[in-house]
Amino acid sequence: MDEIDLKIIQLLEENGRLSHEEIGKLLHISRPTVHQRVGKLEKAGVLRGYRAIVDWRKLEQKIKALIFVKIKCQNFSEIVSEIVAMDIPGTTILECQRLAGEWCMMLKVRVSSPEDITRLIDRMVMIPEVQETSTTFILSTIYEDGIKE
């Protein structure tokens, strides 16, 4: 990996919709060269995918929260998979982080109402291995690009 690959990665991280032609113009290299390098980065697993940045304010799930969870079990991955797969109307689990420290995991969720969080937690605590939860509501987020949500 060289400096050009790093610049391609940076450009795609900033805007995953950039075409190979646009990247080529920005870096003063040919479109086929960009295509070849992006292909190698994808094949090597450096570029693992592309995603959209959603303006959740325009959707119904305007409430964000972090749910910290304590789990006591031998089969952590299975319990996490069960939690992440839960289908609660009005609720989207955005991230699941495994933690070191007092809490075992943290869920970042989007919900339509506080009642949706209640339903999610009520469902989680039905799993015998889930010992405790703690919820924190997110008031605002400022992203790297300065966009405030």
C-alpha atoms as a PDB file:
ATOM      1  CA  MET A   1       0.000   0.000   0.000  1.00  0.00           C
ATOM      2  CA  ASP A   2       1.392   3.369  -0.981  1.00  0.00           C
ATOM      3  CA  GLU A   3       0.476   7.040  -0.650  1.00  0.00           C
ATOM      4  CA  ILE A   4      -1.949   6.906  -3.583  1.00  0.00           C
ATOM      5  CA  ASP A   5      -3.844   3.998  -2.003  1.00  0.00           C
ATOM      6  CA  LEU A   6      -4.086   5.959   1.251  1.00  0.00           C
ATOM      7  CA  LYS A   7      -5.426   8.998  -0.624  1.00  0.00           C
ATOM      8  CA  ILE A   8      -8.008   6.821  -2.399  1.00  0.00           C
ATOM      9  CA  ILE A   9      -9.081   5.376   0.957  1.00  0.00           C
ATOM     10  CA  GLN A  10      -9.370   8.867   2.455  1.00  0.00           C
ATOM     11  CA  LEU A  11     -11.459  10.141  -0.470  1.00  0.00           C
ATOM     12  CA  LEU A  12     -13.795   7.156  -0.322  1.00  0.00           C
ATOM     13  CA  GLU A  13     -14.122   7.459   3.429  1.00  0.00           C
ATOM     14  CA  GLU A  14     -15.175  11.089   2.999  1.00  0.00           C
ATOM     15  CA  ASN A  15     -17.539  10.311   0.106  1.00  0.00           C
ATOM     16  CA  GLY A  16     -18.164   6.677  -0.792  1.00  0.00           C
ATOM     17  CA  ARG A  17     -20.140   7.748  -3.870  1.00  0.00           C
ATOM     18  CA  LEU A  18     -17.131   9.227  -5.680  1.00  0.00           C
ATOM     19  CA  SER A  19     -16.697   7.618  -9.072  1.00  0.00           C
ATOM     20  CA  HIS A  20     -13.373   6.196 -10.149  1.00  0.00           C
ATOM     21  CA  GLU A  21     -13.221   8.961 -12.741  1.00  0.00           C
ATOM     22  CA  GLU A  22     -13.681  11.666 -10.076  1.00  0.00           C
ATOM     23  CA  ILE A  23     -11.009  10.084  -7.872  1.00  0.00           C
ATOM     24  CA  GLY A  24      -8.665   9.905 -10.852  1.00  0.00           C
ATOM     25  CA  LYS A  25      -9.140  13.608 -11.567  1.00  0.00           C
ATOM     26  CA  LEU A  26      -8.560  14.548  -7.922  1.00  0.00           C
ATOM     27  CA  LEU A  27      -5.391  12.460  -7.707  1.00  0.00           C
ATOM     28  CA  HIS A  28      -4.208  13.071 -11.289  1.00  0.00           C
ATOM     29  CA  ILE A  29      -4.222   9.381 -12.208  1.00  0.00           C
ATOM     30  CA  SER A  30      -6.234   7.454 -14.802  1.00  0.00           C
ATOM     31  CA  ARG A  31      -9.658   5.941 -14.138  1.00  0.00           C
ATOM     32  CA  PRO A  32      -8.378   2.413 -14.942  1.00  0.00           C
ATOM     33  CA  THR A  33      -5.586   2.886 -12.370  1.00  0.00           C
ATOM     34  CA  VAL A  34      -8.141   3.909  -9.736  1.00  0.00           C
ATOM     35  CA  HIS A  35     -10.350   0.949 -10.694  1.00  0.00           C
ATOM     36  CA  GLN A  36      -7.427  -1.458 -10.331  1.00  0.00           C
ATOM     37  CA  ARG A  37      -6.314  -0.022  -6.981  1.00  0.00           C
ATOM     38  CA  VAL A  38      -9.836   0.039  -5.527  1.00  0.00           C
ATOM     39  CA  GLY A  39     -10.300  -3.577  -6.639  1.00  0.00           C
ATOM     40  CA  LYS A  40      -7.094  -4.603  -4.848  1.00  0.00           C
ATOM     41  CA  LEU A  41      -8.132  -2.718  -1.705  1.00  0.00           C
ATOM     42  CA  GLU A  42     -11.522  -4.441  -1.755  1.00  0.00           C
ATOM     43  CA  LYS A  43      -9.971  -7.868  -2.372  1.00  0.00           C
ATOM     44  CA  ALA A  44      -7.499  -7.315   0.501  1.00  0.00           C
ATOM     45  CA  GLY A  45     -10.390  -6.426   2.808  1.00  0.00           C
ATOM     46  CA  VAL A  46      -9.164  -2.877   3.371  1.00  0.00           C
ATOM     47  CA  LEU A  47     -12.321  -1.472   1.780  1.00  0.00           C
ATOM     48  CA  ARG A  48     -15.022  -3.642   3.282  1.00  0.00           C
ATOM     49  CA  GLY A  49     -18.065  -1.855   1.936  1.00  0.00           C
ATOM     50  CA  TYR A  50     -19.819   1.398   1.257  1.00  0.00           C
ATOM     51  CA  ARG A  51     -22.669   2.886   3.228  1.00  0.00           C
ATOM     52  CA  ALA A  52     -25.134   5.713   3.236  1.00  0.00           C
ATOM     53  CA  ILE A  53     -25.218   8.384   5.909  1.00  0.00           C
ATOM     54  CA  VAL A  54     -28.851   8.669   6.939  1.00  0.00           C
ATOM     55  CA  ASP A  55     -30.481  11.868   8.169  1.00  0.00           C
ATOM     56  CA  TRP A  56     -32.548  10.211  10.857  1.00  0.00           C
ATOM     57  CA  ARG A  57     -34.271  13.519  11.662  1.00  0.00           C
ATOM     58  CA  LYS A  58     -36.251  13.025   8.454  1.00  0.00           C
ATOM     59  CA  LEU A  59     -37.448   9.605   9.589  1.00  0.00           C
ATOM     60  CA  GLU A  60     -39.641   8.616  12.518  1.00  0.00           C
ATOM     61  CA  GLN A  61     -36.823   7.215  14.665  1.00  0.00           C
ATOM     62  CA  LYS A  62     -35.562  10.523  16.059  1.00  0.00           C
ATOM     63  CA  ILE A  63     -34.595   9.320  19.541  1.00  0.00           C
ATOM     64  CA  LYS A  64     -31.073   7.913  20.042  1.00  0.00           C
ATOM     65  CA  ALA A  65     -29.933   5.980  23.076  1.00  0.00           C
ATOM     66  CA  LEU A  66     -27.104   3.868  24.395  1.00  0.00           C
ATOM     67  CA  ILE A  67     -28.117   0.722  26.252  1.00  0.00           C
ATOM     68  CA  PHE A  68     -25.409  -0.844  28.393  1.00  0.00           C
ATOM     69  CA  VAL A  69     -25.882  -4.539  29.127  1.00  0.00           C
ATOM     70  CA  LYS A  70     -24.343  -6.959  31.630  1.00  0.00           C
ATOM     71  CA  ILE A  71     -24.334 -10.573  30.517  1.00  0.00           C
ATOM     72  CA  LYS A  72     -23.152 -13.622  32.414  1.00  0.00           C
ATOM     73  CA  CYS A  73     -22.666 -16.628  30.186  1.00  0.00           C
ATOM     74  CA  GLN A  74     -20.277 -18.953  28.417  1.00  0.00           C
ATOM     75  CA  ASN A  75     -21.779 -18.346  24.970  1.00  0.00           C
ATOM     76  CA  PHE A  76     -21.485 -14.550  24.655  1.00  0.00           C
ATOM     77  CA  SER A  77     -21.632 -14.509  20.842  1.00  0.00           C
ATOM     78  CA  GLU A  78     -24.887 -16.461  20.800  1.00  0.00           C
ATOM     79  CA  ILE A  79     -26.551 -14.113  23.299  1.00  0.00           C
ATOM     80  CA  VAL A  80     -25.354 -11.048  21.374  1.00  0.00           C
ATOM     81  CA  SER A  81     -26.681 -12.527  18.127  1.00  0.00           C
ATOM     82  CA  GLU A  82     -30.032 -13.158  19.795  1.00  0.00           C
ATOM     83  CA  ILE A  83     -30.209  -9.565  21.061  1.00  0.00           C
ATOM     84  CA  VAL A  84     -29.156  -7.978  17.772  1.00  0.00           C
ATOM     85  CA  ALA A  85     -31.694 -10.091  15.874  1.00  0.00           C
ATOM     86  CA  MET A  86     -34.608  -8.848  17.996  1.00  0.00           C
ATOM     87  CA  ASP A  87     -37.306  -7.264  15.869  1.00  0.00           C
ATOM     88  CA  ILE A  88     -39.014  -4.529  17.864  1.00  0.00           C
ATOM     89  CA  PRO A  89     -41.274  -2.254  15.782  1.00  0.00           C
ATOM     90  CA  GLY A  90     -40.034   1.349  15.854  1.00  0.00           C
ATOM     91  CA  THR A  91     -36.535   0.251  16.922  1.00  0.00           C
ATOM     92  CA  THR A  92     -33.290  -0.012  14.993  1.00  0.00           C
ATOM     93  CA  ILE A  93     -30.107  -1.357  16.585  1.00  0.00           C
ATOM     94  CA  LEU A  94     -27.366   0.657  14.879  1.00  0.00           C
ATOM     95  CA  GLU A  95     -24.315  -0.755  16.643  1.00  0.00           C
ATOM     96  CA  CYS A  96     -23.374  -3.399  19.146  1.00  0.00           C
ATOM     97  CA  GLN A  97     -20.052  -2.889  20.912  1.00  0.00           C
ATOM     98  CA  ARG A  98     -18.374  -5.466  23.148  1.00  0.00           C
ATOM     99  CA  LEU A  99     -16.850  -3.690  26.143  1.00  0.00           C
ATOM    100  CA  ALA A 100     -14.233  -4.278  28.796  1.00  0.00           C
ATOM    101  CA  GLY A 101     -15.072  -3.016  32.249  1.00  0.00           C
ATOM    102  CA  GLU A 102     -18.280  -2.879  34.228  1.00  0.00           C
ATOM    103  CA  TRP A 103     -20.566  -3.460  31.215  1.00  0.00           C
ATOM    104  CA  CYS A 104     -20.242  -6.319  28.732  1.00  0.00           C
ATOM    105  CA  MET A 105     -21.821  -4.632  25.741  1.00  0.00           C
ATOM    106  CA  MET A 106     -23.358  -1.415  24.516  1.00  0.00           C
ATOM    107  CA  LEU A 107     -26.127  -1.035  21.981  1.00  0.00           C
ATOM    108  CA  LYS A 108     -26.608   2.190  20.072  1.00  0.00           C
ATOM    109  CA  VAL A 109     -30.266   2.336  19.093  1.00  0.00           C
ATOM    110  CA  ARG A 110     -32.746   4.530  17.244  1.00  0.00           C
ATOM    111  CA  VAL A 111     -36.351   4.529  18.383  1.00  0.00           C
ATOM    112  CA  SER A 112     -39.599   6.302  17.650  1.00  0.00           C
ATOM    113  CA  SER A 113     -40.553   6.665  21.314  1.00  0.00           C
ATOM    114  CA  PRO A 114     -39.275   5.871  24.816  1.00  0.00           C
ATOM    115  CA  GLU A 115     -41.823   3.044  24.888  1.00  0.00           C
ATOM    116  CA  ASP A 116     -39.864   1.340  22.104  1.00  0.00           C
ATOM    117  CA  ILE A 117     -36.799   1.247  24.359  1.00  0.00           C
ATOM    118  CA  THR A 118     -38.936  -0.179  27.136  1.00  0.00           C
ATOM    119  CA  ARG A 119     -40.106  -2.954  24.793  1.00  0.00           C
ATOM    120  CA  LEU A 120     -36.518  -3.695  23.736  1.00  0.00           C
ATOM    121  CA  ILE A 121     -35.238  -3.852  27.310  1.00  0.00           C
ATOM    122  CA  ASP A 122     -38.231  -5.919  28.443  1.00  0.00           C
ATOM    123  CA  ARG A 123     -37.444  -8.416  25.669  1.00  0.00           C
ATOM    124  CA  MET A 124     -33.698  -8.465  26.497  1.00  0.00           C
ATOM    125  CA  VAL A 125     -34.179  -9.135  30.198  1.00  0.00           C
ATOM    126  CA  MET A 126     -36.289 -12.179  29.316  1.00  0.00           C
ATOM    127  CA  ILE A 127     -32.990 -13.761  28.245  1.00  0.00           C
ATOM    128  CA  PRO A 128     -31.728 -15.458  31.437  1.00  0.00           C
ATOM    129  CA  GLU A 129     -28.093 -14.503  30.794  1.00  0.00           C
ATOM    130  CA  VAL A 130     -28.901 -10.772  30.692  1.00  0.00           C
ATOM    131  CA  GLN A 131     -28.307  -9.543  34.221  1.00  0.00           C
ATOM    132  CA  GLU A 132     -28.730  -5.788  34.049  1.00  0.00           C
ATOM    133  CA  THR A 133     -29.186  -2.848  31.673  1.00  0.00           C
ATOM    134  CA  SER A 134     -28.649   0.888  31.881  1.00  0.00           C
ATOM    135  CA  THR A 135     -29.945   3.353  29.301  1.00  0.00           C
ATOM    136  CA  THR A 136     -28.597   6.777  28.403  1.00  0.00           C
ATOM    137  CA  PHE A 137     -30.388   9.028  25.939  1.00  0.00           C
ATOM    138  CA  ILE A 138     -28.208  10.865  23.404  1.00  0.00           C
ATOM    139  CA  LEU A 139     -29.070  14.546  23.195  1.00  0.00           C
ATOM    140  CA  SER A 140     -26.944  15.476  20.175  1.00  0.00           C
ATOM    141  CA  THR A 141     -24.079  14.269  18.022  1.00  0.00           C
ATOM    142  CA  ILE A 142     -21.476  16.259  16.114  1.00  0.00           C
ATOM    143  CA  TYR A 143     -19.821  14.356  13.296  1.00  0.00           C
ATOM    144  CA  GLU A 144     -16.309  14.779  11.884  1.00  0.00           C
ATOM    145  CA  ASP A 145     -17.681  16.799   8.987  1.00  0.00           C
ATOM    146  CA  GLY A 146     -19.286  19.276  11.392  1.00  0.00           C
ATOM    147  CA  ILE A 147     -22.840  18.105  10.806  1.00  0.00           C
ATOM    148  CA  LYS A 148     -24.766  18.268  14.063  1.00  0.00           C
ATOM    149  CA  GLU A 149     -27.660  15.938  14.716  1.00  0.00           C
END
